Amino acid sequence: MLAEVSAHPTPAWRLVRPNPFFALLLICIVCLLGLAPQSAAQKNDKPTRKLLYRESPGYPLTLREAHIGGIVRLEITISPRGSVDQVSALGGNPVLVEAASAAVRKWKYAAGDSETKTQVEFTFDPRR
């Protein structure tokens, strides 16, 4: 018997079925490679300001008694003189954010050449 020959053969890339796991893995690797240099550059380019005075936030009694805790993340803007000018919540329980913000507003940093932004994180653990 003779094999049938087509005038338009199917391209090789159409013969292979794509593997969704491989495609997802490839996308993840590309994303990780793209993000790694950017985050490393951000860490190295930021000027660090020395913290001179730090006040710890008070744990609201009602939340401690109710065993409610969590993590609060804040972005703070430090003036050239070293005082905290602005506090923005990035995440956390609103009551805990208020307690952390009140404490951070009292912090003092070493004077610098320009305004600086940084992020701080607090963990409120009712078991401690």
C-alpha atoms as a PDB file:
ATOM      1  CA  MET A   1       0.000   0.000   0.000  1.00  0.00           C
ATOM      2  CA  LEU A   2       1.129   3.462  -0.741  1.00  0.00           C
ATOM      3  CA  ALA A   3       1.170   6.227   1.843  1.00  0.00           C
ATOM      4  CA  GLU A   4      -0.985   9.177   1.078  1.00  0.00           C
ATOM      5  CA  VAL A   5       1.008  12.393   0.631  1.00  0.00           C
ATOM      6  CA  SER A   6      -0.698  15.718   1.221  1.00  0.00           C
ATOM      7  CA  ALA A   7       0.130  18.808  -0.759  1.00  0.00           C
ATOM      8  CA  HIS A   8      -0.033  20.897   2.425  1.00  0.00           C
ATOM      9  CA  PRO A   9       1.586  18.991   5.301  1.00  0.00           C
ATOM     10  CA  THR A  10       0.630  19.903   8.882  1.00  0.00           C
ATOM     11  CA  PRO A  11       3.296  22.086  10.511  1.00  0.00           C
ATOM     12  CA  ALA A  12       5.318  20.371  13.238  1.00  0.00           C
ATOM     13  CA  TRP A  13       4.202  22.859  15.903  1.00  0.00           C
ATOM     14  CA  ARG A  14       0.591  21.771  15.326  1.00  0.00           C
ATOM     15  CA  LEU A  15       1.411  18.119  15.992  1.00  0.00           C
ATOM     16  CA  VAL A  16       2.529  18.761  19.581  1.00  0.00           C
ATOM     17  CA  ARG A  17      -0.208  19.396  22.157  1.00  0.00           C
ATOM     18  CA  PRO A  18       0.686  22.269  24.497  1.00  0.00           C
ATOM     19  CA  ASN A  19       1.143  21.313  28.123  1.00  0.00           C
ATOM     20  CA  PRO A  20      -0.668  23.845  30.378  1.00  0.00           C
ATOM     21  CA  PHE A  21       1.662  23.077  33.304  1.00  0.00           C
ATOM     22  CA  PHE A  22       4.734  23.835  31.189  1.00  0.00           C
ATOM     23  CA  ALA A  23       3.186  27.090  29.961  1.00  0.00           C
ATOM     24  CA  LEU A  24       2.361  28.173  33.528  1.00  0.00           C
ATOM     25  CA  LEU A  25       5.859  27.266  34.712  1.00  0.00           C
ATOM     26  CA  LEU A  26       7.407  29.260  31.885  1.00  0.00           C
ATOM     27  CA  ILE A  27       5.266  32.296  32.706  1.00  0.00           C
ATOM     28  CA  CYS A  28       6.255  32.096  36.393  1.00  0.00           C
ATOM     29  CA  ILE A  29       9.956  31.895  35.574  1.00  0.00           C
ATOM     30  CA  VAL A  30       9.755  34.870  33.222  1.00  0.00           C
ATOM     31  CA  CYS A  31       7.894  36.908  35.844  1.00  0.00           C
ATOM     32  CA  LEU A  32      10.374  36.043  38.589  1.00  0.00           C
ATOM     33  CA  LEU A  33      13.333  36.914  36.413  1.00  0.00           C
ATOM     34  CA  GLY A  34      11.719  40.209  35.511  1.00  0.00           C
ATOM     35  CA  LEU A  35      10.957  41.171  39.132  1.00  0.00           C
ATOM     36  CA  ALA A  36      14.180  40.153  40.839  1.00  0.00           C
ATOM     37  CA  PRO A  37      16.473  42.876  39.475  1.00  0.00           C
ATOM     38  CA  GLN A  38      13.858  45.560  40.062  1.00  0.00           C
ATOM     39  CA  SER A  39      13.371  44.754  43.757  1.00  0.00           C
ATOM     40  CA  ALA A  40      17.127  44.478  44.311  1.00  0.00           C
ATOM     41  CA  ALA A  41      17.652  47.868  42.685  1.00  0.00           C
ATOM     42  CA  GLN A  42      14.976  49.428  44.864  1.00  0.00           C
ATOM     43  CA  LYS A  43      16.654  48.198  48.029  1.00  0.00           C
ATOM     44  CA  ASN A  44      20.102  49.446  47.018  1.00  0.00           C
ATOM     45  CA  ASP A  45      19.007  52.858  45.720  1.00  0.00           C
ATOM     46  CA  LYS A  46      17.149  53.954  48.857  1.00  0.00           C
ATOM     47  CA  PRO A  47      19.082  56.133  51.254  1.00  0.00           C
ATOM     48  CA  THR A  48      18.705  54.874  54.806  1.00  0.00           C
ATOM     49  CA  ARG A  49      17.830  57.222  57.625  1.00  0.00           C
ATOM     50  CA  LYS A  50      18.950  56.435  61.150  1.00  0.00           C
ATOM     51  CA  LEU A  51      16.082  56.135  63.611  1.00  0.00           C
ATOM     52  CA  LEU A  52      16.896  58.239  66.687  1.00  0.00           C
ATOM     53  CA  TYR A  53      13.709  57.858  68.738  1.00  0.00           C
ATOM     54  CA  ARG A  54      11.155  55.054  68.511  1.00  0.00           C
ATOM     55  CA  GLU A  55       7.948  54.635  70.439  1.00  0.00           C
ATOM     56  CA  SER A  56       6.231  51.256  70.375  1.00  0.00           C
ATOM     57  CA  PRO A  57       2.515  51.261  69.630  1.00  0.00           C
ATOM     58  CA  GLY A  58       0.102  50.469  72.415  1.00  0.00           C
ATOM     59  CA  TYR A  59      -2.034  47.375  71.957  1.00  0.00           C
ATOM     60  CA  PRO A  60      -5.711  48.377  72.280  1.00  0.00           C
ATOM     61  CA  LEU A  61      -7.059  46.576  75.358  1.00  0.00           C
ATOM     62  CA  THR A  62     -10.363  45.603  73.760  1.00  0.00           C
ATOM     63  CA  LEU A  63      -8.588  43.858  70.880  1.00  0.00           C
ATOM     64  CA  ARG A  64      -6.089  42.151  73.192  1.00  0.00           C
ATOM     65  CA  GLU A  65      -8.902  40.816  75.397  1.00  0.00           C
ATOM     66  CA  ALA A  66     -10.800  39.614  72.314  1.00  0.00           C
ATOM     67  CA  HIS A  67      -7.589  37.877  71.086  1.00  0.00           C
ATOM     68  CA  ILE A  68      -7.593  39.939  67.898  1.00  0.00           C
ATOM     69  CA  GLY A  69      -4.172  40.549  66.420  1.00  0.00           C
ATOM     70  CA  GLY A  70      -2.591  40.992  63.059  1.00  0.00           C
ATOM     71  CA  ILE A  71       0.043  42.716  61.015  1.00  0.00           C
ATOM     72  CA  VAL A  72      -0.044  46.419  60.213  1.00  0.00           C
ATOM     73  CA  ARG A  73       1.961  47.854  57.336  1.00  0.00           C
ATOM     74  CA  LEU A  74       2.510  51.585  57.031  1.00  0.00           C
ATOM     75  CA  GLU A  75       4.290  53.839  54.576  1.00  0.00           C
ATOM     76  CA  ILE A  76       5.822  56.866  56.261  1.00  0.00           C
ATOM     77  CA  THR A  77       7.204  60.069  54.824  1.00  0.00           C
ATOM     78  CA  ILE A  78      10.159  61.511  56.736  1.00  0.00           C
ATOM     79  CA  SER A  79      10.934  65.214  56.381  1.00  0.00           C
ATOM     80  CA  PRO A  80      14.497  66.447  55.798  1.00  0.00           C
ATOM     81  CA  ARG A  81      14.533  67.547  59.477  1.00  0.00           C
ATOM     82  CA  GLY A  82      13.788  63.982  60.617  1.00  0.00           C
ATOM     83  CA  SER A  83      10.180  64.206  61.745  1.00  0.00           C
ATOM     84  CA  VAL A  84       7.454  61.937  60.378  1.00  0.00           C
ATOM     85  CA  ASP A  85       5.279  64.112  58.143  1.00  0.00           C
ATOM     86  CA  GLN A  86       2.835  61.611  56.709  1.00  0.00           C
ATOM     87  CA  VAL A  87       1.614  58.105  57.569  1.00  0.00           C
ATOM     88  CA  SER A  88      -0.345  55.990  55.074  1.00  0.00           C
ATOM     89  CA  ALA A  89      -1.859  52.612  55.900  1.00  0.00           C
ATOM     90  CA  LEU A  90      -0.945  49.817  53.500  1.00  0.00           C
ATOM     91  CA  GLY A  91      -2.834  47.097  55.358  1.00  0.00           C
ATOM     92  CA  GLY A  92      -4.138  45.866  58.655  1.00  0.00           C
ATOM     93  CA  ASN A  93      -7.022  46.106  61.104  1.00  0.00           C
ATOM     94  CA  PRO A  94      -8.177  49.764  61.219  1.00  0.00           C
ATOM     95  CA  VAL A  95      -7.985  49.939  65.034  1.00  0.00           C
ATOM     96  CA  LEU A  96      -4.452  48.506  65.026  1.00  0.00           C
ATOM     97  CA  VAL A  97      -3.506  50.856  62.163  1.00  0.00           C
ATOM     98  CA  GLU A  98      -4.598  53.811  64.292  1.00  0.00           C
ATOM     99  CA  ALA A  99      -2.498  52.628  67.257  1.00  0.00           C
ATOM    100  CA  ALA A 100       0.573  52.060  65.070  1.00  0.00           C
ATOM    101  CA  SER A 101       0.128  55.386  63.256  1.00  0.00           C
ATOM    102  CA  ALA A 102      -0.071  57.316  66.528  1.00  0.00           C
ATOM    103  CA  ALA A 103       3.213  55.795  67.692  1.00  0.00           C
ATOM    104  CA  VAL A 104       5.028  56.286  64.365  1.00  0.00           C
ATOM    105  CA  ARG A 105       4.100  59.990  64.265  1.00  0.00           C
ATOM    106  CA  LYS A 106       6.282  60.438  67.382  1.00  0.00           C
ATOM    107  CA  TRP A 107       9.357  58.832  65.819  1.00  0.00           C
ATOM    108  CA  LYS A 108      12.428  60.961  65.076  1.00  0.00           C
ATOM    109  CA  TYR A 109      15.030  60.274  62.410  1.00  0.00           C
ATOM    110  CA  ALA A 110      18.438  61.772  61.685  1.00  0.00           C
ATOM    111  CA  ALA A 111      18.319  64.823  59.416  1.00  0.00           C
ATOM    112  CA  GLY A 112      18.755  64.172  55.720  1.00  0.00           C
ATOM    113  CA  ASP A 113      19.163  65.934  52.397  1.00  0.00           C
ATOM    114  CA  SER A 114      15.615  65.339  51.209  1.00  0.00           C
ATOM    115  CA  GLU A 115      12.279  63.807  52.050  1.00  0.00           C
ATOM    116  CA  THR A 116      12.383  60.018  52.442  1.00  0.00           C
ATOM    117  CA  LYS A 117       9.658  57.389  52.207  1.00  0.00           C
ATOM    118  CA  THR A 118       9.918  54.018  53.872  1.00  0.00           C
ATOM    119  CA  GLN A 119       7.673  51.180  54.949  1.00  0.00           C
ATOM    120  CA  VAL A 120       7.333  49.779  58.457  1.00  0.00           C
ATOM    121  CA  GLU A 121       5.522  46.731  59.752  1.00  0.00           C
ATOM    122  CA  PHE A 122       4.128  45.921  63.198  1.00  0.00           C
ATOM    123  CA  THR A 123       2.906  42.558  64.476  1.00  0.00           C
ATOM    124  CA  PHE A 124       0.220  42.630  67.157  1.00  0.00           C
ATOM    125  CA  ASP A 125       0.109  39.253  68.892  1.00  0.00           C
ATOM    126  CA  PRO A 126      -2.483  38.827  71.668  1.00  0.00           C
ATOM    127  CA  ARG A 127      -0.543  35.869  73.130  1.00  0.00           C
ATOM    128  CA  ARG A 128       2.418  38.082  74.121  1.00  0.00           C
END
